[in-house]
Structures are given as structure tokens and as C-alpha cells.
Amino acid sequence: MAIFGDGEAKEKEQHFKDAYDTAKLLAENGYIVVDGGGPGIMLAATLGAKAGGGRVEVVVINDRTKMANYEGQSQENVILADKKYEVEDYDRRVTKLTEIADAFVVFKGGTGTVAEFGMVWSKAKFVYGQHKPVILFGKFWKEIIRTLDKELNLENIEEKVIRIAEKPETVVKELKQAGAGN
């Protein structure tokens, strides 16, 4: 399960705690946690999965690539990972994350998170019925999706491919209902 979210999130913030708790529960239920190998929500996911006795895979941009405004790798995250994939740039990073994950859990974040969400949401629409689950974590997503629907005129299928969860237990329940691998 790929976990996307705020690379700036701090341990005391609720979305960091939620990502940690969700990844821990996912690991306890046999799911592999996948993230971008950075700080914030990505580190929370890795720490949570490890606390749950699980496996973590990270996808990082190699050290040779210099990018402005990129959160970079978290050494702690990369060291804890069971498997590390290195790619050349941001696009390949997101693509690799979407390839290796069986589902996606999206937490609060910035433009990078929005880009990741947009990619997995559009892919899910285009392969509806065989799509990987897309779960948005947090009740704030309800208003965002309502606004997008109102202002962009979403198709019914676009709304059907996403779920909103407010608790880690709901994430696991949604994944099991969708038959997402573990």
C-alpha cells in the first residue's frame, strides 16, 4: 500500500500520527507499506509499519539528481526500509510508486501529494473495475471532493473509485472489501 502525504509533517501533528497508526495496522494485517523514502508522512508510514512488524519499500530519487523544493530522502526512512528503489526524477518516482503498490492511501499534504493523488485517481478511472483502491484519509477530503465535483463536473465513475476514511481501521476494512493484496 502506497502512502502519500505531507513531507513536512512533524511527529506531534495529527496527520503524522494518523499515518503512523494506519501503517502500523496495515503491517499488522500483512500489507507491505510503500512510500517515497522522505520525511514527514513517508517517515511516519515507515515507522508505523516497522512498529507493526511489517515490510517497507521506498522509492527515492538518486543522490545525483538535484531538485529545488524537493524534500529529499530521510536517512532514517531509507535505513529502515527492507527494499529501496532508486529512480532518476520525480516523475519516475511517482510512476514506480504506482506500479509497485496494490492500493493508495492519501493523507494531508501539498502540491506533491495533490499530484500523486491526481495520478492514481485518473489511472483508477481509466481502468475502472480493475483499479487499485484509492483511499483519502481525513474528513477534510469530503469538502474537497464536493468542491471538485461542483466546479469540475466529475463523472460518477470518478467518485466511485475513491473512498474516504477517518480511522486506520476503516482503511483496512476498505482494502479488504476491495480485495487489495496482502
C-alpha atoms as a PDB file:
ATOM      1  CA  MET A   1       0.000   0.000   0.000  1.00  0.00           C
ATOM      2  CA  ALA A   2       1.500   3.292  -1.052  1.00  0.00           C
ATOM      3  CA  ILE A   3       1.138   6.079   1.450  1.00  0.00           C
ATOM      4  CA  PHE A   4       1.263   9.651   0.159  1.00  0.00           C
ATOM      5  CA  GLY A   5       1.303  12.841   2.195  1.00  0.00           C
ATOM      6  CA  ASP A   6       2.998  15.874   3.647  1.00  0.00           C
ATOM      7  CA  GLY A   7       6.802  15.677   3.570  1.00  0.00           C
ATOM      8  CA  GLU A   8       6.857  18.482   6.166  1.00  0.00           C
ATOM      9  CA  ALA A   9       4.615  16.744   8.754  1.00  0.00           C
ATOM     10  CA  LYS A  10       6.025  16.638  12.282  1.00  0.00           C
ATOM     11  CA  GLU A  11       5.628  13.848  14.849  1.00  0.00           C
ATOM     12  CA  LYS A  12       3.269  15.893  17.030  1.00  0.00           C
ATOM     13  CA  GLU A  13       0.871  16.686  14.175  1.00  0.00           C
ATOM     14  CA  GLN A  14      -2.299  14.637  13.842  1.00  0.00           C
ATOM     15  CA  HIS A  15      -1.769  13.603  10.234  1.00  0.00           C
ATOM     16  CA  PHE A  16       1.692  12.219  11.136  1.00  0.00           C
ATOM     17  CA  LYS A  17       0.114  10.211  13.962  1.00  0.00           C
ATOM     18  CA  ASP A  18      -2.692   9.028  11.674  1.00  0.00           C
ATOM     19  CA  ALA A  19      -0.207   7.875   9.022  1.00  0.00           C
ATOM     20  CA  TYR A  20       1.860   6.063  11.674  1.00  0.00           C
ATOM     21  CA  ASP A  21      -1.220   4.330  13.123  1.00  0.00           C
ATOM     22  CA  THR A  22      -2.545   3.423   9.683  1.00  0.00           C
ATOM     23  CA  ALA A  23       0.771   1.963   8.511  1.00  0.00           C
ATOM     24  CA  LYS A  24       1.117   0.023  11.758  1.00  0.00           C
ATOM     25  CA  LEU A  25      -2.327  -1.506  11.325  1.00  0.00           C
ATOM     26  CA  LEU A  26      -1.647  -2.243   7.654  1.00  0.00           C
ATOM     27  CA  ALA A  27       1.564  -4.060   8.622  1.00  0.00           C
ATOM     28  CA  GLU A  28      -0.216  -5.996  11.357  1.00  0.00           C
ATOM     29  CA  ASN A  29      -2.669  -7.144   8.676  1.00  0.00           C
ATOM     30  CA  GLY A  30       0.092  -8.345   6.365  1.00  0.00           C
ATOM     31  CA  TYR A  31       0.274  -5.432   3.943  1.00  0.00           C
ATOM     32  CA  ILE A  32       3.583  -4.124   2.600  1.00  0.00           C
ATOM     33  CA  VAL A  33       3.910  -0.365   3.073  1.00  0.00           C
ATOM     34  CA  VAL A  34       5.403   1.647   0.222  1.00  0.00           C
ATOM     35  CA  ASP A  35       6.414   5.310   0.393  1.00  0.00           C
ATOM     36  CA  GLY A  36       8.692   7.900  -1.170  1.00  0.00           C
ATOM     37  CA  GLY A  37      11.515   7.457   1.344  1.00  0.00           C
ATOM     38  CA  GLY A  38      11.337  11.013   2.598  1.00  0.00           C
ATOM     39  CA  PRO A  39      10.492  12.717   5.893  1.00  0.00           C
ATOM     40  CA  GLY A  40       7.056  13.626   7.244  1.00  0.00           C
ATOM     41  CA  ILE A  41       4.177  11.302   6.347  1.00  0.00           C
ATOM     42  CA  MET A  42       6.582   8.996   4.498  1.00  0.00           C
ATOM     43  CA  LEU A  43       8.691   8.534   7.626  1.00  0.00           C
ATOM     44  CA  ALA A  44       5.529   8.102   9.719  1.00  0.00           C
ATOM     45  CA  ALA A  45       4.462   5.311   7.363  1.00  0.00           C
ATOM     46  CA  THR A  46       7.801   3.545   7.635  1.00  0.00           C
ATOM     47  CA  LEU A  47       7.961   3.887  11.424  1.00  0.00           C
ATOM     48  CA  GLY A  48       4.391   2.662  11.799  1.00  0.00           C
ATOM     49  CA  ALA A  49       4.902  -0.317   9.509  1.00  0.00           C
ATOM     50  CA  LYS A  50       8.049  -1.314  11.369  1.00  0.00           C
ATOM     51  CA  ALA A  51       6.236  -0.975  14.720  1.00  0.00           C
ATOM     52  CA  GLY A  52       3.609  -3.335  13.294  1.00  0.00           C
ATOM     53  CA  GLY A  53       6.252  -5.887  12.321  1.00  0.00           C
ATOM     54  CA  GLY A  54       5.847  -5.179   8.618  1.00  0.00           C
ATOM     55  CA  ARG A  55       7.828  -4.747   5.462  1.00  0.00           C
ATOM     56  CA  VAL A  56       8.608  -1.350   3.907  1.00  0.00           C
ATOM     57  CA  GLU A  57       9.690  -0.480   0.384  1.00  0.00           C
ATOM     58  CA  VAL A  58      10.793   3.042  -0.546  1.00  0.00           C
ATOM     59  CA  VAL A  59      11.213   4.770  -3.887  1.00  0.00           C
ATOM     60  CA  VAL A  60      13.774   7.569  -3.819  1.00  0.00           C
ATOM     61  CA  ILE A  61      15.329   9.931  -6.314  1.00  0.00           C
ATOM     62  CA  ASN A  62      19.037   9.184  -6.583  1.00  0.00           C
ATOM     63  CA  ASP A  63      21.511  11.489  -4.887  1.00  0.00           C
ATOM     64  CA  ARG A  64      22.984  12.625  -8.224  1.00  0.00           C
ATOM     65  CA  THR A  65      19.748  14.422  -9.129  1.00  0.00           C
ATOM     66  CA  LYS A  66      19.496  17.861  -7.598  1.00  0.00           C
ATOM     67  CA  MET A  67      15.975  19.235  -7.345  1.00  0.00           C
ATOM     68  CA  ALA A  68      14.870  22.526  -5.831  1.00  0.00           C
ATOM     69  CA  ASN A  69      11.990  22.323  -3.354  1.00  0.00           C
ATOM     70  CA  TYR A  70      12.217  18.533  -3.042  1.00  0.00           C
ATOM     71  CA  GLU A  71      12.035  17.145   0.491  1.00  0.00           C
ATOM     72  CA  GLY A  72      14.758  14.605  -0.279  1.00  0.00           C
ATOM     73  CA  GLN A  73      15.415  11.311   1.382  1.00  0.00           C
ATOM     74  CA  SER A  74      15.122  10.699   5.079  1.00  0.00           C
ATOM     75  CA  GLN A  75      18.172   8.681   6.092  1.00  0.00           C
ATOM     76  CA  GLU A  76      16.163   7.119   8.916  1.00  0.00           C
ATOM     77  CA  ASN A  77      13.449   6.090   6.459  1.00  0.00           C
ATOM     78  CA  VAL A  78      15.873   4.620   3.930  1.00  0.00           C
ATOM     79  CA  ILE A  79      17.828   2.719   6.607  1.00  0.00           C
ATOM     80  CA  LEU A  80      14.641   1.151   7.984  1.00  0.00           C
ATOM     81  CA  ALA A  81      13.363   0.121   4.542  1.00  0.00           C
ATOM     82  CA  ASP A  82      13.506  -3.515   3.517  1.00  0.00           C
ATOM     83  CA  LYS A  83      13.855  -2.572  -0.136  1.00  0.00           C
ATOM     84  CA  LYS A  84      14.947   0.638  -1.854  1.00  0.00           C
ATOM     85  CA  TYR A  85      14.274   1.591  -5.455  1.00  0.00           C
ATOM     86  CA  GLU A  86      16.312   4.452  -6.917  1.00  0.00           C
ATOM     87  CA  VAL A  87      14.982   6.483  -9.832  1.00  0.00           C
ATOM     88  CA  GLU A  88      16.234   9.461 -11.813  1.00  0.00           C
ATOM     89  CA  ASP A  89      13.493  12.041 -11.236  1.00  0.00           C
ATOM     90  CA  TYR A  90      10.181  12.919  -9.614  1.00  0.00           C
ATOM     91  CA  ASP A  91       8.016  11.582 -12.455  1.00  0.00           C
ATOM     92  CA  ARG A  92       9.727   8.196 -12.332  1.00  0.00           C
ATOM     93  CA  ARG A  93       9.392   8.178  -8.545  1.00  0.00           C
ATOM     94  CA  VAL A  94       5.617   8.618  -8.689  1.00  0.00           C
ATOM     95  CA  THR A  95       5.336   6.134 -11.554  1.00  0.00           C
ATOM     96  CA  LYS A  96       7.321   3.500  -9.656  1.00  0.00           C
ATOM     97  CA  LEU A  97       5.241   4.039  -6.510  1.00  0.00           C
ATOM     98  CA  THR A  98       2.059   3.500  -8.517  1.00  0.00           C
ATOM     99  CA  GLU A  99       3.486   0.384 -10.190  1.00  0.00           C
ATOM    100  CA  ILE A 100       4.533  -1.453  -7.036  1.00  0.00           C
ATOM    101  CA  ALA A 101       1.605  -0.546  -4.792  1.00  0.00           C
ATOM    102  CA  ASP A 102      -1.626  -2.538  -4.584  1.00  0.00           C
ATOM    103  CA  ALA A 103      -3.560   0.469  -3.265  1.00  0.00           C
ATOM    104  CA  PHE A 104      -3.083   4.090  -2.238  1.00  0.00           C
ATOM    105  CA  VAL A 105      -3.767   5.945   0.992  1.00  0.00           C
ATOM    106  CA  VAL A 106      -3.531   9.712   0.659  1.00  0.00           C
ATOM    107  CA  PHE A 107      -3.027  11.927   3.707  1.00  0.00           C
ATOM    108  CA  LYS A 108      -2.957  15.699   4.033  1.00  0.00           C
ATOM    109  CA  GLY A 109      -0.143  17.220   2.017  1.00  0.00           C
ATOM    110  CA  GLY A 110       0.893  19.846  -0.503  1.00  0.00           C
ATOM    111  CA  THR A 111       1.218  20.020  -4.269  1.00  0.00           C
ATOM    112  CA  GLY A 112       3.302  16.836  -4.457  1.00  0.00           C
ATOM    113  CA  THR A 113       0.553  14.948  -2.651  1.00  0.00           C
ATOM    114  CA  VAL A 114      -2.076  16.506  -4.930  1.00  0.00           C
ATOM    115  CA  ALA A 115      -0.049  15.409  -7.972  1.00  0.00           C
ATOM    116  CA  GLU A 116       0.273  11.856  -6.636  1.00  0.00           C
ATOM    117  CA  PHE A 117      -3.418  11.730  -5.828  1.00  0.00           C
ATOM    118  CA  GLY A 118      -4.327  13.086  -9.263  1.00  0.00           C
ATOM    119  CA  MET A 119      -2.234  10.450 -10.973  1.00  0.00           C
ATOM    120  CA  VAL A 120      -3.655   7.483  -9.068  1.00  0.00           C
ATOM    121  CA  TRP A 121      -7.198   8.862  -9.278  1.00  0.00           C
ATOM    122  CA  SER A 122      -7.057   9.279 -13.050  1.00  0.00           C
ATOM    123  CA  LYS A 123      -5.452   5.843 -13.518  1.00  0.00           C
ATOM    124  CA  ALA A 124      -8.199   4.293 -11.398  1.00  0.00           C
ATOM    125  CA  LYS A 125     -10.862   5.926 -13.550  1.00  0.00           C
ATOM    126  CA  PHE A 126      -9.344   4.661 -16.793  1.00  0.00           C
ATOM    127  CA  VAL A 127      -9.168   1.058 -15.587  1.00  0.00           C
ATOM    128  CA  TYR A 128     -12.369   1.145 -13.525  1.00  0.00           C
ATOM    129  CA  GLY A 129     -13.310  -2.305 -12.340  1.00  0.00           C
ATOM    130  CA  GLN A 130      -9.686  -3.432 -12.298  1.00  0.00           C
ATOM    131  CA  HIS A 131      -8.425  -0.343 -10.496  1.00  0.00           C
ATOM    132  CA  LYS A 132      -6.321  -0.227  -7.371  1.00  0.00           C
ATOM    133  CA  PRO A 133      -8.143   1.228  -4.349  1.00  0.00           C
ATOM    134  CA  VAL A 134      -7.655   4.942  -3.668  1.00  0.00           C
ATOM    135  CA  ILE A 135      -8.394   5.943  -0.070  1.00  0.00           C
ATOM    136  CA  LEU A 136      -8.291   9.531   1.128  1.00  0.00           C
ATOM    137  CA  PHE A 137      -7.574   9.814   4.846  1.00  0.00           C
ATOM    138  CA  GLY A 138      -9.367  12.551   6.769  1.00  0.00           C
ATOM    139  CA  LYS A 139     -12.812  14.075   6.761  1.00  0.00           C
ATOM    140  CA  PHE A 140     -11.499  17.293   5.148  1.00  0.00           C
ATOM    141  CA  TRP A 141     -11.382  15.361   1.846  1.00  0.00           C
ATOM    142  CA  LYS A 142     -15.202  15.283   1.724  1.00  0.00           C
ATOM    143  CA  GLU A 143     -15.383  19.028   1.165  1.00  0.00           C
ATOM    144  CA  ILE A 144     -12.534  18.953  -1.339  1.00  0.00           C
ATOM    145  CA  ILE A 145     -14.231  16.254  -3.393  1.00  0.00           C
ATOM    146  CA  ARG A 146     -17.593  18.074  -3.162  1.00  0.00           C
ATOM    147  CA  THR A 147     -15.955  21.250  -4.423  1.00  0.00           C
ATOM    148  CA  LEU A 148     -14.171  19.432  -7.248  1.00  0.00           C
ATOM    149  CA  ASP A 149     -17.422  17.771  -8.249  1.00  0.00           C
ATOM    150  CA  LYS A 150     -19.292  21.077  -8.239  1.00  0.00           C
ATOM    151  CA  GLU A 151     -16.650  23.082 -10.060  1.00  0.00           C
ATOM    152  CA  LEU A 152     -15.309  20.428 -12.434  1.00  0.00           C
ATOM    153  CA  ASN A 153     -18.403  18.283 -13.033  1.00  0.00           C
ATOM    154  CA  LEU A 154     -16.855  14.943 -12.104  1.00  0.00           C
ATOM    155  CA  GLU A 155     -18.233  11.821 -13.707  1.00  0.00           C
ATOM    156  CA  ASN A 156     -19.909   9.290 -11.402  1.00  0.00           C
ATOM    157  CA  ILE A 157     -17.130   6.810 -12.111  1.00  0.00           C
ATOM    158  CA  GLU A 158     -14.552   9.310 -10.848  1.00  0.00           C
ATOM    159  CA  GLU A 159     -16.276   9.479  -7.496  1.00  0.00           C
ATOM    160  CA  LYS A 160     -16.773   5.701  -7.320  1.00  0.00           C
ATOM    161  CA  VAL A 161     -13.053   4.928  -7.427  1.00  0.00           C
ATOM    162  CA  ILE A 162     -12.239   6.824  -4.239  1.00  0.00           C
ATOM    163  CA  ARG A 163     -13.096   6.168  -0.611  1.00  0.00           C
ATOM    164  CA  ILE A 164     -12.690   8.431   2.384  1.00  0.00           C
ATOM    165  CA  ALA A 165     -11.529   7.034   5.722  1.00  0.00           C
ATOM    166  CA  GLU A 166     -11.300   8.797   9.060  1.00  0.00           C
ATOM    167  CA  LYS A 167      -9.736   5.924  11.031  1.00  0.00           C
ATOM    168  CA  PRO A 168      -6.987   3.399  10.333  1.00  0.00           C
ATOM    169  CA  GLU A 169      -9.476   0.573  10.852  1.00  0.00           C
ATOM    170  CA  THR A 170     -11.605   1.951   8.022  1.00  0.00           C
ATOM    171  CA  VAL A 171      -8.599   1.893   5.686  1.00  0.00           C
ATOM    172  CA  VAL A 172      -8.028  -1.814   6.379  1.00  0.00           C
ATOM    173  CA  LYS A 173     -11.738  -2.548   6.007  1.00  0.00           C
ATOM    174  CA  GLU A 174     -11.877  -0.775   2.633  1.00  0.00           C
ATOM    175  CA  LEU A 175      -8.789  -2.627   1.393  1.00  0.00           C
ATOM    176  CA  LYS A 176     -10.184  -5.995   2.426  1.00  0.00           C
ATOM    177  CA  GLN A 177     -13.521  -5.230   0.765  1.00  0.00           C
ATOM    178  CA  ALA A 178     -11.680  -4.277  -2.412  1.00  0.00           C
ATOM    179  CA  GLY A 179      -9.575  -7.446  -2.277  1.00  0.00           C
ATOM    180  CA  ALA A 180      -6.347  -5.454  -2.281  1.00  0.00           C
ATOM    181  CA  GLY A 181      -3.356  -7.768  -1.913  1.00  0.00           C
ATOM    182  CA  ASN A 182      -1.546  -8.559   1.258  1.00  0.00           C
END
